[in-house]
Structure formats: C-alpha cells, structure tokens
Amino acid sequence: MPPEVHADLAAVTELDELLTRRGWEYDEEFSGDEFVTWVYPPSAAEFDDFFRRAQPHAAGWIGFYWGRTPEECRRSNEMPDAFMLGWLEWFQKNHPAPSPKPRL
C-alpha cells in the first residue's frame, strides 16, 4: 500500500474512533471510495443542545429540503410534512448568521 494511502486510512481510523466515542455513527450507505460519512442521530430533544454546542466547531451544515413552504406543510395531514414544518420553523428561529463575505 502506498504511504499516502496508508496515512489517509490512519487518519480516517483516528477520526472514526473520535466521532463514534461522541455518539456519531458511520454511514456505510453514503460513504464511498472518495469520501466517508458519519451521521449524528440525536433525538429532537437533544438536537437543539447539540446544534448550539457544535457551532464553534462546525464549518457548515448540510441538510435536505423538499421545497415545500411552511404554509404548504401546515395544510398537509402527512407526517413527513409535519416533521419538515418543525424543522423549517426551528431553522428560521435558530439558523446561524451568514458569515461575512471574504474580502478579495
């Protein structure tokens, strides 16, 4: 195995140990040869606390949005829309302020 590949594997192994000790789970389905993914499956009650504690350490957040507005979700009787509405309302209230654009 080339040294650079061995170093990459050692770094990923070290990161995996750190993350799994803190409650993150390796996501085999969304990991591949070029990237590795972990997810943090907190309950809704734990999420707010997790988000606030992670802010100083997070470079960004990735999420998924179907494109339905909060009003469309309110009119729906479907459970996924209720979950999405909860997320949209939480995010509107708590989203981090955008970083200032870098000066070039």
Protein backbone atom coordinates (compact mmCIF):
# COMPACT_ATOMS: atom_id res chain seq x y z
CA MET A 1 0.00 0.00 0.00
CA PRO A 2 1.45 3.42 -0.92
CA PRO A 3 2.42 5.58 2.09
CA GLU A 4 -0.13 8.31 1.28
CA VAL A 5 -2.99 5.77 1.21
CA HIS A 6 -1.79 4.28 4.49
CA ALA A 7 -1.67 7.79 6.04
CA ASP A 8 -5.21 8.52 4.80
CA LEU A 9 -6.52 5.27 6.29
CA ALA A 10 -4.81 6.00 9.60
CA ALA A 11 -6.36 9.49 9.71
CA VAL A 12 -9.83 8.15 8.89
CA THR A 13 -9.47 5.44 11.52
CA GLU A 14 -8.48 8.04 14.13
CA LEU A 15 -11.39 10.29 13.13
CA ASP A 16 -13.81 7.34 13.25
CA GLU A 17 -12.72 6.50 16.79
CA LEU A 18 -13.16 10.11 17.89
CA LEU A 19 -16.60 10.50 16.31
CA THR A 20 -18.02 7.16 17.44
CA ARG A 21 -16.94 7.89 21.04
CA ARG A 22 -19.08 11.04 20.79
CA GLY A 23 -22.20 9.27 19.52
CA TRP A 24 -21.77 9.63 15.75
CA GLU A 25 -22.45 6.61 13.52
CA TYR A 26 -20.56 5.59 10.39
CA ASP A 27 -22.91 5.73 7.39
CA GLU A 28 -21.87 2.92 5.08
CA GLU A 29 -24.65 3.66 2.59
CA PHE A 30 -23.42 7.22 1.95
CA SER A 31 -19.69 6.53 2.14
CA GLY A 32 -17.55 5.53 -0.81
CA ASP A 33 -14.02 5.25 -2.16
CA GLU A 34 -13.56 9.03 -2.25
CA PHE A 35 -15.35 10.11 0.95
CA VAL A 36 -16.54 8.86 4.31
CA THR A 37 -19.73 9.97 6.04
CA TRP A 38 -20.87 9.88 9.66
CA VAL A 39 -24.28 10.89 10.98
CA TYR A 40 -25.33 12.09 14.40
CA PRO A 41 -28.75 10.67 15.24
CA PRO A 42 -29.89 12.81 18.17
CA SER A 43 -33.49 12.91 19.28
CA ALA A 44 -35.43 16.11 18.69
CA ALA A 45 -34.95 16.95 22.37
CA GLU A 46 -31.17 16.60 22.05
CA PHE A 47 -30.80 18.38 18.71
CA ASP A 48 -31.06 21.98 19.96
CA ASP A 49 -28.36 21.39 22.57
CA PHE A 50 -26.16 19.55 20.05
CA PHE A 51 -26.52 22.35 17.49
CA ARG A 52 -25.52 25.06 19.97
CA ARG A 53 -22.55 23.09 21.34
CA ALA A 54 -21.33 22.23 17.84
CA GLN A 55 -21.41 25.80 16.48
CA PRO A 56 -17.82 26.67 17.47
CA HIS A 57 -16.55 23.51 15.77
CA ALA A 58 -18.73 23.33 12.64
CA ALA A 59 -17.56 24.78 9.35
CA GLY A 60 -21.05 24.36 7.89
CA TRP A 61 -24.20 22.27 7.88
CA ILE A 62 -25.67 20.04 5.23
CA GLY A 63 -29.35 19.28 5.08
CA PHE A 64 -32.06 18.32 2.66
CA TYR A 65 -35.15 20.30 1.77
CA TRP A 66 -38.02 19.10 -0.45
CA GLY A 67 -39.01 22.65 -1.41
CA ARG A 68 -42.42 22.77 0.27
CA THR A 69 -43.14 26.03 2.06
CA PRO A 70 -44.10 26.12 5.75
CA GLU A 71 -47.63 27.06 4.71
CA GLU A 72 -47.90 24.02 2.40
CA CYS A 73 -46.68 21.81 5.25
CA ARG A 74 -49.25 23.32 7.64
CA ARG A 75 -52.09 22.48 5.24
CA SER A 76 -50.95 18.88 4.89
CA ASN A 77 -52.05 15.96 7.06
CA GLU A 78 -48.96 13.90 6.19
CA MET A 79 -46.42 13.04 8.90
CA PRO A 80 -43.35 13.89 6.74
CA ASP A 81 -44.78 17.38 6.23
CA ALA A 82 -45.25 17.77 9.98
CA PHE A 83 -41.59 16.85 10.53
CA MET A 84 -40.49 19.23 7.78
CA LEU A 85 -42.60 22.04 9.25
CA GLY A 86 -40.94 21.50 12.63
CA TRP A 87 -37.51 21.70 11.03
CA LEU A 88 -38.34 24.78 8.96
CA GLU A 89 -39.72 26.61 11.99
CA TRP A 90 -36.72 25.62 14.11
CA PHE A 91 -34.27 26.67 11.41
CA GLN A 92 -35.98 30.03 10.83
CA LYS A 93 -35.68 30.73 14.55
CA ASN A 94 -32.18 29.34 15.13
CA HIS A 95 -30.19 29.41 11.91
CA PRO A 96 -26.66 30.72 12.25
CA ALA A 97 -26.00 34.17 10.85
CA PRO A 98 -24.24 34.03 7.49
CA SER A 99 -20.52 34.62 7.58
CA PRO A 100 -19.37 37.91 6.11
CA LYS A 101 -18.13 37.57 2.56
CA PRO A 102 -14.34 37.42 2.42
CA ARG A 103 -12.61 40.47 1.04
CA LEU A 104 -10.57 39.76 -2.04
